[in-house]
Amino acid sequence: MALFTPAFPRVEPLWRWIVPALTSAAFITLGAKLQIPFWPVPMTLHTLAVFFVSALLGPRLGLGAMATYLGAGAMGLPVFSGTPERGIGLAYMIGPTGGYLLGFLLASGLIGWLAMGRGWVGRVLAMLVGLAVVYAAGVAWLAAYVPAHNLLAAGVTPFLLGDLVKVALAATLVSGVARLKAGLK
């Protein structure tokens, strides 16, 4: 009899996707809004939040969280760093930082995939690959706004040290959460 029983894939309830995506998008928003004095420029915790969420949730949920965040921003919610002062919605997204936002979207799925089942070093390497994607998309987009000879000075160099610190911190936080989850089992 079992031979003729159709096998349907188990469908997860919608809330199992919506709740993590919304809470993670809120966390990414918080990271974008928190500014810390740093040298050579003040930094936000945006990269930390995106990379943490991506490595913690995996490729599908990490990408879903980032897409939710970008969707909220596209609808005009002031979720991005410097909003609403520097504009909101699609006008902000097509501005000079639009490539970095696109890079975050691309990197979120990639980091989630590369970091799966990895230890601290593997997570750091996954996040460094993601950071390279963010910088590549960001600089390519920024080229429409900044002369080529100033691209690295405007879009990479001032942020590199802070982003490397955030990568190490994000990998450490994900490792801590993984250890905590393993201890609860």
C-alpha atoms as a PDB file:
ATOM      1  CA  MET A   1       0.000   0.000   0.000  1.00  0.00           C
ATOM      2  CA  ALA A   2       2.773   2.443   0.847  1.00  0.00           C
ATOM      3  CA  LEU A   3       3.967   2.064  -2.712  1.00  0.00           C
ATOM      4  CA  PHE A   4       0.934   3.998  -3.965  1.00  0.00           C
ATOM      5  CA  THR A   5       0.947   6.683  -1.275  1.00  0.00           C
ATOM      6  CA  PRO A   6       2.100   9.984  -2.753  1.00  0.00           C
ATOM      7  CA  ALA A   7       5.062  11.523  -0.977  1.00  0.00           C
ATOM      8  CA  PHE A   8       4.568  15.211  -0.385  1.00  0.00           C
ATOM      9  CA  PRO A   9       7.426  17.323   0.862  1.00  0.00           C
ATOM     10  CA  ARG A  10       6.939  18.641   4.360  1.00  0.00           C
ATOM     11  CA  VAL A  11       5.866  22.252   4.133  1.00  0.00           C
ATOM     12  CA  GLU A  12       7.131  24.534   6.866  1.00  0.00           C
ATOM     13  CA  PRO A  13       4.718  27.066   8.327  1.00  0.00           C
ATOM     14  CA  LEU A  14       5.125  30.539   6.875  1.00  0.00           C
ATOM     15  CA  TRP A  15       5.947  32.054  10.264  1.00  0.00           C
ATOM     16  CA  ARG A  16       9.188  30.024  10.322  1.00  0.00           C
ATOM     17  CA  TRP A  17      10.396  32.245   7.467  1.00  0.00           C
ATOM     18  CA  ILE A  18       8.674  35.518   8.291  1.00  0.00           C
ATOM     19  CA  VAL A  19       9.670  35.863  11.940  1.00  0.00           C
ATOM     20  CA  PRO A  20      13.426  35.344  11.411  1.00  0.00           C
ATOM     21  CA  ALA A  21      13.399  37.576   8.312  1.00  0.00           C
ATOM     22  CA  LEU A  22      11.628  40.434  10.104  1.00  0.00           C
ATOM     23  CA  THR A  23      13.639  40.220  13.321  1.00  0.00           C
ATOM     24  CA  SER A  24      16.901  39.936  11.388  1.00  0.00           C
ATOM     25  CA  ALA A  25      15.962  42.885   9.165  1.00  0.00           C
ATOM     26  CA  ALA A  26      15.296  44.880  12.351  1.00  0.00           C
ATOM     27  CA  PHE A  27      18.709  43.798  13.682  1.00  0.00           C
ATOM     28  CA  ILE A  28      20.380  44.884  10.426  1.00  0.00           C
ATOM     29  CA  THR A  29      18.563  48.228  10.690  1.00  0.00           C
ATOM     30  CA  LEU A  30      19.860  48.668  14.225  1.00  0.00           C
ATOM     31  CA  GLY A  31      23.375  47.902  12.980  1.00  0.00           C
ATOM     32  CA  ALA A  32      23.022  50.497  10.235  1.00  0.00           C
ATOM     33  CA  LYS A  33      21.907  53.131  12.723  1.00  0.00           C
ATOM     34  CA  LEU A  34      24.520  52.534  15.440  1.00  0.00           C
ATOM     35  CA  GLN A  35      27.578  54.651  14.822  1.00  0.00           C
ATOM     36  CA  ILE A  36      30.866  54.143  16.651  1.00  0.00           C
ATOM     37  CA  PRO A  37      33.761  56.608  16.642  1.00  0.00           C
ATOM     38  CA  PHE A  38      36.574  54.933  14.727  1.00  0.00           C
ATOM     39  CA  TRP A  39      39.612  55.935  12.743  1.00  0.00           C
ATOM     40  CA  PRO A  40      39.811  57.089   9.954  1.00  0.00           C
ATOM     41  CA  VAL A  41      36.011  57.451   9.671  1.00  0.00           C
ATOM     42  CA  PRO A  42      33.168  56.699  12.090  1.00  0.00           C
ATOM     43  CA  MET A  43      31.718  53.271  11.449  1.00  0.00           C
ATOM     44  CA  THR A  44      28.323  51.691  11.731  1.00  0.00           C
ATOM     45  CA  LEU A  45      27.673  48.098  12.733  1.00  0.00           C
ATOM     46  CA  HIS A  46      25.898  47.452   9.446  1.00  0.00           C
ATOM     47  CA  THR A  47      28.481  45.003   8.104  1.00  0.00           C
ATOM     48  CA  LEU A  48      28.630  43.212  11.448  1.00  0.00           C
ATOM     49  CA  ALA A  49      24.856  42.757  11.502  1.00  0.00           C
ATOM     50  CA  VAL A  50      24.599  41.553   7.893  1.00  0.00           C
ATOM     51  CA  PHE A  51      27.483  39.103   8.221  1.00  0.00           C
ATOM     52  CA  PHE A  52      26.308  37.821  11.623  1.00  0.00           C
ATOM     53  CA  VAL A  53      22.761  37.220  10.383  1.00  0.00           C
ATOM     54  CA  SER A  54      23.983  35.578   7.166  1.00  0.00           C
ATOM     55  CA  ALA A  55      26.353  33.155   8.882  1.00  0.00           C
ATOM     56  CA  LEU A  56      23.906  32.411  11.686  1.00  0.00           C
ATOM     57  CA  LEU A  57      20.798  31.802   9.586  1.00  0.00           C
ATOM     58  CA  GLY A  58      22.328  30.166   6.527  1.00  0.00           C
ATOM     59  CA  PRO A  59      21.922  31.012   2.865  1.00  0.00           C
ATOM     60  CA  ARG A  60      18.120  31.021   2.461  1.00  0.00           C
ATOM     61  CA  LEU A  61      17.126  32.803   5.655  1.00  0.00           C
ATOM     62  CA  GLY A  62      20.147  35.124   5.528  1.00  0.00           C
ATOM     63  CA  LEU A  63      19.265  36.138   1.986  1.00  0.00           C
ATOM     64  CA  GLY A  64      15.611  36.466   3.005  1.00  0.00           C
ATOM     65  CA  ALA A  65      16.530  38.736   5.914  1.00  0.00           C
ATOM     66  CA  MET A  66      18.645  40.975   3.677  1.00  0.00           C
ATOM     67  CA  ALA A  67      15.925  41.078   1.002  1.00  0.00           C
ATOM     68  CA  THR A  68      13.394  42.024   3.690  1.00  0.00           C
ATOM     69  CA  TYR A  69      15.689  44.804   4.903  1.00  0.00           C
ATOM     70  CA  LEU A  70      16.191  46.140   1.369  1.00  0.00           C
ATOM     71  CA  GLY A  71      12.470  45.852   0.647  1.00  0.00           C
ATOM     72  CA  ALA A  72      11.681  47.914   3.737  1.00  0.00           C
ATOM     73  CA  GLY A  73      14.189  50.509   2.595  1.00  0.00           C
ATOM     74  CA  ALA A  74      12.815  50.559  -0.943  1.00  0.00           C
ATOM     75  CA  MET A  75       9.336  51.241   0.462  1.00  0.00           C
ATOM     76  CA  GLY A  76      10.691  54.349   2.147  1.00  0.00           C
ATOM     77  CA  LEU A  77      11.231  53.138   5.705  1.00  0.00           C
ATOM     78  CA  PRO A  78      14.326  54.853   7.158  1.00  0.00           C
ATOM     79  CA  VAL A  79      16.326  51.653   7.675  1.00  0.00           C
ATOM     80  CA  PHE A  80      19.598  52.677   6.032  1.00  0.00           C
ATOM     81  CA  SER A  81      22.523  54.473   7.602  1.00  0.00           C
ATOM     82  CA  GLY A  82      22.025  58.215   7.341  1.00  0.00           C
ATOM     83  CA  THR A  83      18.302  58.022   6.603  1.00  0.00           C
ATOM     84  CA  PRO A  84      16.126  60.000   6.514  1.00  0.00           C
ATOM     85  CA  GLU A  85      18.691  62.846   6.500  1.00  0.00           C
ATOM     86  CA  ARG A  86      20.379  61.646   3.282  1.00  0.00           C
ATOM     87  CA  GLY A  87      17.172  60.540   1.579  1.00  0.00           C
ATOM     88  CA  ILE A  88      14.960  57.475   1.721  1.00  0.00           C
ATOM     89  CA  GLY A  89      13.571  54.773  -0.500  1.00  0.00           C
ATOM     90  CA  LEU A  90      14.742  54.072  -3.998  1.00  0.00           C
ATOM     91  CA  ALA A  91      16.363  57.507  -4.255  1.00  0.00           C
ATOM     92  CA  TYR A  92      18.757  56.501  -1.465  1.00  0.00           C
ATOM     93  CA  MET A  93      19.282  53.039  -2.923  1.00  0.00           C
ATOM     94  CA  ILE A  94      20.414  54.333  -6.327  1.00  0.00           C
ATOM     95  CA  GLY A  95      22.787  56.822  -4.701  1.00  0.00           C
ATOM     96  CA  PRO A  96      26.514  56.311  -4.077  1.00  0.00           C
ATOM     97  CA  THR A  97      26.004  53.546  -1.505  1.00  0.00           C
ATOM     98  CA  GLY A  98      23.633  51.502  -3.686  1.00  0.00           C
ATOM     99  CA  GLY A  99      26.373  49.141  -4.807  1.00  0.00           C
ATOM    100  CA  TYR A 100      27.247  48.296  -1.228  1.00  0.00           C
ATOM    101  CA  LEU A 101      23.599  47.468  -0.538  1.00  0.00           C
ATOM    102  CA  LEU A 102      23.556  45.214  -3.603  1.00  0.00           C
ATOM    103  CA  GLY A 103      26.824  43.698  -2.410  1.00  0.00           C
ATOM    104  CA  PHE A 104      25.267  42.943   0.975  1.00  0.00           C
ATOM    105  CA  LEU A 105      22.423  41.124  -0.764  1.00  0.00           C
ATOM    106  CA  LEU A 106      24.798  39.033  -2.874  1.00  0.00           C
ATOM    107  CA  ALA A 107      27.145  38.402   0.042  1.00  0.00           C
ATOM    108  CA  SER A 108      24.404  37.362   2.462  1.00  0.00           C
ATOM    109  CA  GLY A 109      23.523  34.176   0.587  1.00  0.00           C
ATOM    110  CA  LEU A 110      27.158  33.445  -0.203  1.00  0.00           C
ATOM    111  CA  ILE A 111      28.293  33.875   3.408  1.00  0.00           C
ATOM    112  CA  GLY A 112      25.425  31.738   4.644  1.00  0.00           C
ATOM    113  CA  TRP A 113      26.364  28.978   2.230  1.00  0.00           C
ATOM    114  CA  LEU A 114      30.138  29.131   2.787  1.00  0.00           C
ATOM    115  CA  ALA A 115      29.855  29.360   6.595  1.00  0.00           C
ATOM    116  CA  MET A 116      27.539  26.352   7.029  1.00  0.00           C
ATOM    117  CA  GLY A 117      29.048  23.792   9.366  1.00  0.00           C
ATOM    118  CA  ARG A 118      32.332  25.662   9.641  1.00  0.00           C
ATOM    119  CA  GLY A 119      34.298  26.671  12.689  1.00  0.00           C
ATOM    120  CA  TRP A 120      35.541  30.150  13.510  1.00  0.00           C
ATOM    121  CA  VAL A 121      38.273  30.191  10.848  1.00  0.00           C
ATOM    122  CA  GLY A 122      35.873  28.922   8.183  1.00  0.00           C
ATOM    123  CA  ARG A 123      33.337  31.568   9.141  1.00  0.00           C
ATOM    124  CA  VAL A 124      35.978  34.293   8.975  1.00  0.00           C
ATOM    125  CA  LEU A 125      37.035  33.093   5.518  1.00  0.00           C
ATOM    126  CA  ALA A 126      33.391  32.986   4.373  1.00  0.00           C
ATOM    127  CA  MET A 127      32.898  36.538   5.628  1.00  0.00           C
ATOM    128  CA  LEU A 128      36.088  37.744   3.944  1.00  0.00           C
ATOM    129  CA  VAL A 129      34.791  36.368   0.644  1.00  0.00           C
ATOM    130  CA  GLY A 130      31.512  38.160   1.352  1.00  0.00           C
ATOM    131  CA  LEU A 131      33.381  41.366   2.165  1.00  0.00           C
ATOM    132  CA  ALA A 132      35.202  41.139  -1.171  1.00  0.00           C
ATOM    133  CA  VAL A 133      31.819  40.823  -2.915  1.00  0.00           C
ATOM    134  CA  VAL A 134      30.481  43.862  -1.022  1.00  0.00           C
ATOM    135  CA  TYR A 135      33.526  45.949  -1.906  1.00  0.00           C
ATOM    136  CA  ALA A 136      33.504  44.831  -5.553  1.00  0.00           C
ATOM    137  CA  ALA A 137      29.835  45.724  -6.027  1.00  0.00           C
ATOM    138  CA  GLY A 138      30.205  48.907  -4.004  1.00  0.00           C
ATOM    139  CA  VAL A 139      33.248  50.204  -5.864  1.00  0.00           C
ATOM    140  CA  ALA A 140      31.784  49.282  -9.258  1.00  0.00           C
ATOM    141  CA  TRP A 141      28.637  51.275  -8.431  1.00  0.00           C
ATOM    142  CA  LEU A 142      30.588  54.110  -6.812  1.00  0.00           C
ATOM    143  CA  ALA A 143      32.522  54.549 -10.063  1.00  0.00           C
ATOM    144  CA  ALA A 144      29.489  56.397 -11.430  1.00  0.00           C
ATOM    145  CA  TYR A 145      29.940  59.026  -8.709  1.00  0.00           C
ATOM    146  CA  VAL A 146      33.683  59.183  -8.005  1.00  0.00           C
ATOM    147  CA  PRO A 147      36.650  59.500 -10.387  1.00  0.00           C
ATOM    148  CA  ALA A 148      38.489  56.208 -10.902  1.00  0.00           C
ATOM    149  CA  HIS A 149      41.680  57.384  -9.228  1.00  0.00           C
ATOM    150  CA  ASN A 150      39.740  58.139  -6.011  1.00  0.00           C
ATOM    151  CA  LEU A 151      37.661  54.951  -5.813  1.00  0.00           C
ATOM    152  CA  LEU A 152      39.765  53.035  -3.294  1.00  0.00           C
ATOM    153  CA  ALA A 153      40.305  56.108  -1.143  1.00  0.00           C
ATOM    154  CA  ALA A 154      36.579  56.874  -1.111  1.00  0.00           C
ATOM    155  CA  GLY A 155      35.044  53.413  -1.015  1.00  0.00           C
ATOM    156  CA  VAL A 156      37.452  50.909   0.538  1.00  0.00           C
ATOM    157  CA  THR A 157      40.454  52.209   2.438  1.00  0.00           C
ATOM    158  CA  PRO A 158      38.617  54.190   5.154  1.00  0.00           C
ATOM    159  CA  PHE A 159      36.384  51.220   5.964  1.00  0.00           C
ATOM    160  CA  LEU A 160      38.718  48.237   5.619  1.00  0.00           C
ATOM    161  CA  LEU A 161      40.173  48.132   9.134  1.00  0.00           C
ATOM    162  CA  GLY A 162      36.760  48.534  10.771  1.00  0.00           C
ATOM    163  CA  ASP A 163      35.233  45.889   8.502  1.00  0.00           C
ATOM    164  CA  LEU A 164      37.985  43.415   9.362  1.00  0.00           C
ATOM    165  CA  VAL A 165      37.283  43.979  13.057  1.00  0.00           C
ATOM    166  CA  LYS A 166      33.555  43.461  12.407  1.00  0.00           C
ATOM    167  CA  VAL A 167      34.235  40.220  10.508  1.00  0.00           C
ATOM    168  CA  ALA A 168      36.218  38.823  13.450  1.00  0.00           C
ATOM    169  CA  LEU A 169      33.532  39.925  15.891  1.00  0.00           C
ATOM    170  CA  ALA A 170      30.677  38.513  13.775  1.00  0.00           C
ATOM    171  CA  ALA A 171      32.454  35.147  13.438  1.00  0.00           C
ATOM    172  CA  THR A 172      33.056  35.099  17.196  1.00  0.00           C
ATOM    173  CA  LEU A 173      29.403  35.884  17.927  1.00  0.00           C
ATOM    174  CA  VAL A 174      28.172  33.165  15.560  1.00  0.00           C
ATOM    175  CA  SER A 175      30.589  30.687  17.174  1.00  0.00           C
ATOM    176  CA  GLY A 176      29.287  31.683  20.602  1.00  0.00           C
ATOM    177  CA  VAL A 177      25.674  31.180  19.538  1.00  0.00           C
ATOM    178  CA  ALA A 178      26.595  27.787  18.018  1.00  0.00           C
ATOM    179  CA  ARG A 179      28.254  26.719  21.278  1.00  0.00           C
ATOM    180  CA  LEU A 180      25.263  27.939  23.253  1.00  0.00           C
ATOM    181  CA  LYS A 181      22.860  25.990  21.030  1.00  0.00           C
ATOM    182  CA  ALA A 182      25.022  22.862  21.311  1.00  0.00           C
ATOM    183  CA  GLY A 183      25.039  23.203  25.104  1.00  0.00           C
ATOM    184  CA  LEU A 184      21.250  23.378  25.214  1.00  0.00           C
ATOM    185  CA  LYS A 185      20.847  20.069  23.376  1.00  0.00           C
END
